[in-house]
N, C-alpha and C. Protein backbone atom coordinates (compact mmCIF):
# COMPACT_ATOMS: atom_id res chain seq x y z
N UNK A 1 -12.70 73.92 -36.48
CA UNK A 1 -13.07 72.56 -36.81
C UNK A 1 -11.87 71.84 -37.40
N UNK A 2 -11.61 70.65 -36.92
CA UNK A 2 -10.46 69.88 -37.36
C UNK A 2 -10.77 69.17 -38.68
N UNK A 3 -9.82 69.22 -39.60
CA UNK A 3 -9.98 68.55 -40.89
C UNK A 3 -9.92 67.03 -40.69
N UNK A 4 -10.70 66.28 -41.45
CA UNK A 4 -10.66 64.81 -41.31
C UNK A 4 -9.30 64.27 -41.73
N UNK A 5 -8.87 63.22 -41.05
CA UNK A 5 -7.60 62.61 -41.38
C UNK A 5 -7.73 61.81 -42.66
N UNK A 6 -6.70 61.89 -43.48
CA UNK A 6 -6.68 61.13 -44.73
C UNK A 6 -5.87 59.87 -44.46
N UNK A 7 -6.46 58.72 -44.78
CA UNK A 7 -5.79 57.45 -44.54
C UNK A 7 -4.63 57.27 -45.51
N UNK A 8 -3.56 56.72 -45.00
CA UNK A 8 -2.38 56.41 -45.80
C UNK A 8 -2.71 55.21 -46.69
N UNK A 9 -2.58 55.35 -48.01
CA UNK A 9 -2.91 54.25 -48.92
C UNK A 9 -2.13 52.96 -48.62
N UNK A 10 -0.88 53.08 -48.22
CA UNK A 10 -0.08 51.88 -47.89
C UNK A 10 -0.64 51.18 -46.66
N UNK A 11 -1.08 51.96 -45.68
CA UNK A 11 -1.66 51.37 -44.47
C UNK A 11 -2.98 50.68 -44.81
N UNK A 12 -3.79 51.30 -45.65
CA UNK A 12 -5.05 50.69 -46.07
C UNK A 12 -4.80 49.39 -46.83
N UNK A 13 -3.80 49.39 -47.68
CA UNK A 13 -3.47 48.18 -48.44
C UNK A 13 -3.01 47.07 -47.49
N UNK A 14 -2.16 47.42 -46.52
CA UNK A 14 -1.68 46.43 -45.55
C UNK A 14 -2.85 45.83 -44.77
N UNK A 15 -3.77 46.67 -44.33
CA UNK A 15 -4.94 46.17 -43.59
C UNK A 15 -5.78 45.24 -44.45
N UNK A 16 -5.93 45.58 -45.73
CA UNK A 16 -6.71 44.73 -46.63
C UNK A 16 -6.03 43.38 -46.83
N UNK A 17 -4.72 43.37 -46.95
CA UNK A 17 -3.98 42.12 -47.12
C UNK A 17 -4.10 41.26 -45.86
N UNK A 18 -3.96 41.88 -44.69
CA UNK A 18 -4.07 41.13 -43.44
C UNK A 18 -5.48 40.54 -43.30
N UNK A 19 -6.50 41.30 -43.64
CA UNK A 19 -7.88 40.81 -43.56
C UNK A 19 -8.09 39.65 -44.52
N UNK A 20 -7.54 39.75 -45.72
CA UNK A 20 -7.67 38.67 -46.70
C UNK A 20 -6.95 37.41 -46.21
N UNK A 21 -5.71 37.58 -45.71
CA UNK A 21 -4.97 36.43 -45.18
C UNK A 21 -5.72 35.77 -44.04
N UNK A 22 -6.30 36.59 -43.15
CA UNK A 22 -7.07 36.06 -42.03
C UNK A 22 -8.22 35.18 -42.54
N UNK A 23 -8.95 35.67 -43.53
CA UNK A 23 -10.09 34.92 -44.07
C UNK A 23 -9.64 33.60 -44.69
N UNK A 24 -8.54 33.62 -45.43
CA UNK A 24 -8.02 32.41 -46.06
C UNK A 24 -7.62 31.39 -45.00
N UNK A 25 -6.95 31.85 -43.97
CA UNK A 25 -6.52 30.96 -42.89
C UNK A 25 -7.70 30.39 -42.12
N UNK A 26 -8.72 31.19 -41.89
CA UNK A 26 -9.94 30.71 -41.23
C UNK A 26 -10.60 29.61 -42.05
N UNK A 27 -10.73 29.84 -43.36
CA UNK A 27 -11.35 28.84 -44.23
C UNK A 27 -10.55 27.54 -44.27
N UNK A 28 -9.24 27.65 -44.10
CA UNK A 28 -8.37 26.47 -44.11
C UNK A 28 -8.50 25.65 -42.83
N UNK A 29 -9.03 26.28 -41.77
CA UNK A 29 -9.22 25.54 -40.53
C UNK A 29 -8.47 26.06 -39.32
N UNK A 30 -7.75 27.15 -39.46
CA UNK A 30 -7.07 27.73 -38.31
C UNK A 30 -8.10 28.41 -37.40
N UNK A 31 -7.83 28.42 -36.12
CA UNK A 31 -8.69 29.09 -35.14
C UNK A 31 -8.59 30.60 -35.34
N UNK A 32 -9.46 31.32 -34.63
CA UNK A 32 -9.44 32.79 -34.69
C UNK A 32 -8.06 33.31 -34.27
N UNK A 33 -7.57 32.81 -33.12
CA UNK A 33 -6.28 33.27 -32.62
C UNK A 33 -5.13 32.89 -33.56
N UNK A 34 -5.15 31.65 -34.03
CA UNK A 34 -4.11 31.20 -34.95
C UNK A 34 -4.11 31.99 -36.25
N UNK A 35 -5.30 32.22 -36.78
CA UNK A 35 -5.43 33.00 -38.02
C UNK A 35 -4.90 34.41 -37.83
N UNK A 36 -5.21 34.99 -36.68
CA UNK A 36 -4.75 36.35 -36.41
C UNK A 36 -3.24 36.40 -36.33
N UNK A 37 -2.64 35.48 -35.57
CA UNK A 37 -1.18 35.47 -35.42
C UNK A 37 -0.49 35.31 -36.76
N UNK A 38 -0.99 34.43 -37.60
CA UNK A 38 -0.36 34.18 -38.89
C UNK A 38 -0.62 35.29 -39.89
N UNK A 39 -1.82 35.85 -39.86
CA UNK A 39 -2.19 36.88 -40.84
C UNK A 39 -1.35 38.15 -40.68
N UNK A 40 -1.04 38.51 -39.47
CA UNK A 40 -0.30 39.76 -39.24
C UNK A 40 1.21 39.60 -39.43
N UNK A 41 1.68 38.38 -39.46
CA UNK A 41 3.12 38.14 -39.59
C UNK A 41 3.52 38.12 -41.06
N UNK A 42 4.32 39.08 -41.46
CA UNK A 42 4.77 39.16 -42.86
C UNK A 42 5.75 38.05 -43.20
N UNK A 43 6.37 37.45 -42.19
CA UNK A 43 7.35 36.40 -42.43
C UNK A 43 6.71 35.05 -42.74
N UNK A 44 5.44 34.89 -42.40
CA UNK A 44 4.76 33.61 -42.58
C UNK A 44 4.33 33.45 -44.03
N UNK A 45 4.76 32.36 -44.66
CA UNK A 45 4.35 32.03 -46.02
C UNK A 45 2.96 31.40 -45.95
N UNK A 46 1.98 32.08 -46.53
CA UNK A 46 0.59 31.62 -46.47
C UNK A 46 0.45 30.22 -47.09
N UNK A 47 1.14 29.96 -48.18
CA UNK A 47 1.03 28.66 -48.83
C UNK A 47 1.54 27.54 -47.92
N UNK A 48 2.60 27.79 -47.22
CA UNK A 48 3.15 26.80 -46.29
C UNK A 48 2.15 26.57 -45.15
N UNK A 49 1.58 27.64 -44.63
CA UNK A 49 0.60 27.52 -43.54
C UNK A 49 -0.59 26.67 -43.97
N UNK A 50 -1.08 26.89 -45.17
CA UNK A 50 -2.22 26.12 -45.67
C UNK A 50 -1.84 24.66 -45.90
N UNK A 51 -0.66 24.45 -46.45
CA UNK A 51 -0.21 23.09 -46.74
C UNK A 51 -0.03 22.27 -45.47
N UNK A 52 0.47 22.89 -44.41
CA UNK A 52 0.65 22.15 -43.16
C UNK A 52 -0.67 21.57 -42.66
N UNK A 53 -1.71 22.39 -42.65
CA UNK A 53 -3.01 21.88 -42.19
C UNK A 53 -3.58 20.86 -43.17
N UNK A 54 -3.41 21.10 -44.45
CA UNK A 54 -3.94 20.19 -45.46
C UNK A 54 -3.31 18.80 -45.34
N UNK A 55 -2.08 18.75 -44.87
CA UNK A 55 -1.39 17.46 -44.71
C UNK A 55 -1.63 16.83 -43.35
N UNK A 56 -2.50 17.45 -42.55
CA UNK A 56 -2.87 16.86 -41.27
C UNK A 56 -2.07 17.33 -40.07
N UNK A 57 -1.26 18.34 -40.24
CA UNK A 57 -0.49 18.87 -39.12
C UNK A 57 -1.43 19.55 -38.14
N UNK A 58 -1.35 19.24 -36.85
CA UNK A 58 -2.18 19.95 -35.87
C UNK A 58 -1.85 21.44 -35.86
N UNK A 59 -2.86 22.25 -35.60
CA UNK A 59 -2.65 23.70 -35.60
C UNK A 59 -1.55 24.13 -34.64
N UNK A 60 -1.52 23.56 -33.46
CA UNK A 60 -0.51 23.96 -32.48
C UNK A 60 0.91 23.72 -33.00
N UNK A 61 1.10 22.61 -33.69
CA UNK A 61 2.40 22.31 -34.27
C UNK A 61 2.71 23.24 -35.43
N UNK A 62 1.72 23.50 -36.28
CA UNK A 62 1.90 24.41 -37.41
C UNK A 62 2.29 25.80 -36.92
N UNK A 63 1.66 26.26 -35.87
CA UNK A 63 1.99 27.58 -35.33
C UNK A 63 3.42 27.62 -34.80
N UNK A 64 3.85 26.55 -34.14
CA UNK A 64 5.23 26.51 -33.64
C UNK A 64 6.23 26.52 -34.80
N UNK A 65 5.88 25.87 -35.90
CA UNK A 65 6.76 25.83 -37.07
C UNK A 65 6.81 27.21 -37.73
N UNK A 66 5.67 27.84 -37.85
CA UNK A 66 5.54 29.06 -38.66
C UNK A 66 5.94 30.35 -37.95
N UNK A 67 5.68 30.43 -36.65
CA UNK A 67 5.89 31.69 -35.94
C UNK A 67 7.14 31.61 -35.08
């Protein structure tokens, strides 16, 4: 019988952060696809992403700026 795999704590933490970022981006008004692209990218500043939409920037333009 194979022993169950133990999850890497760093990987679990990364997944939790990505899930949280995704939720924040969704609430701000990004689409599912846009939220996913931004949430997984460590280079994207979440505050900048939120501010762009808050100032009326279209999502397509925000994504081009951020990614």
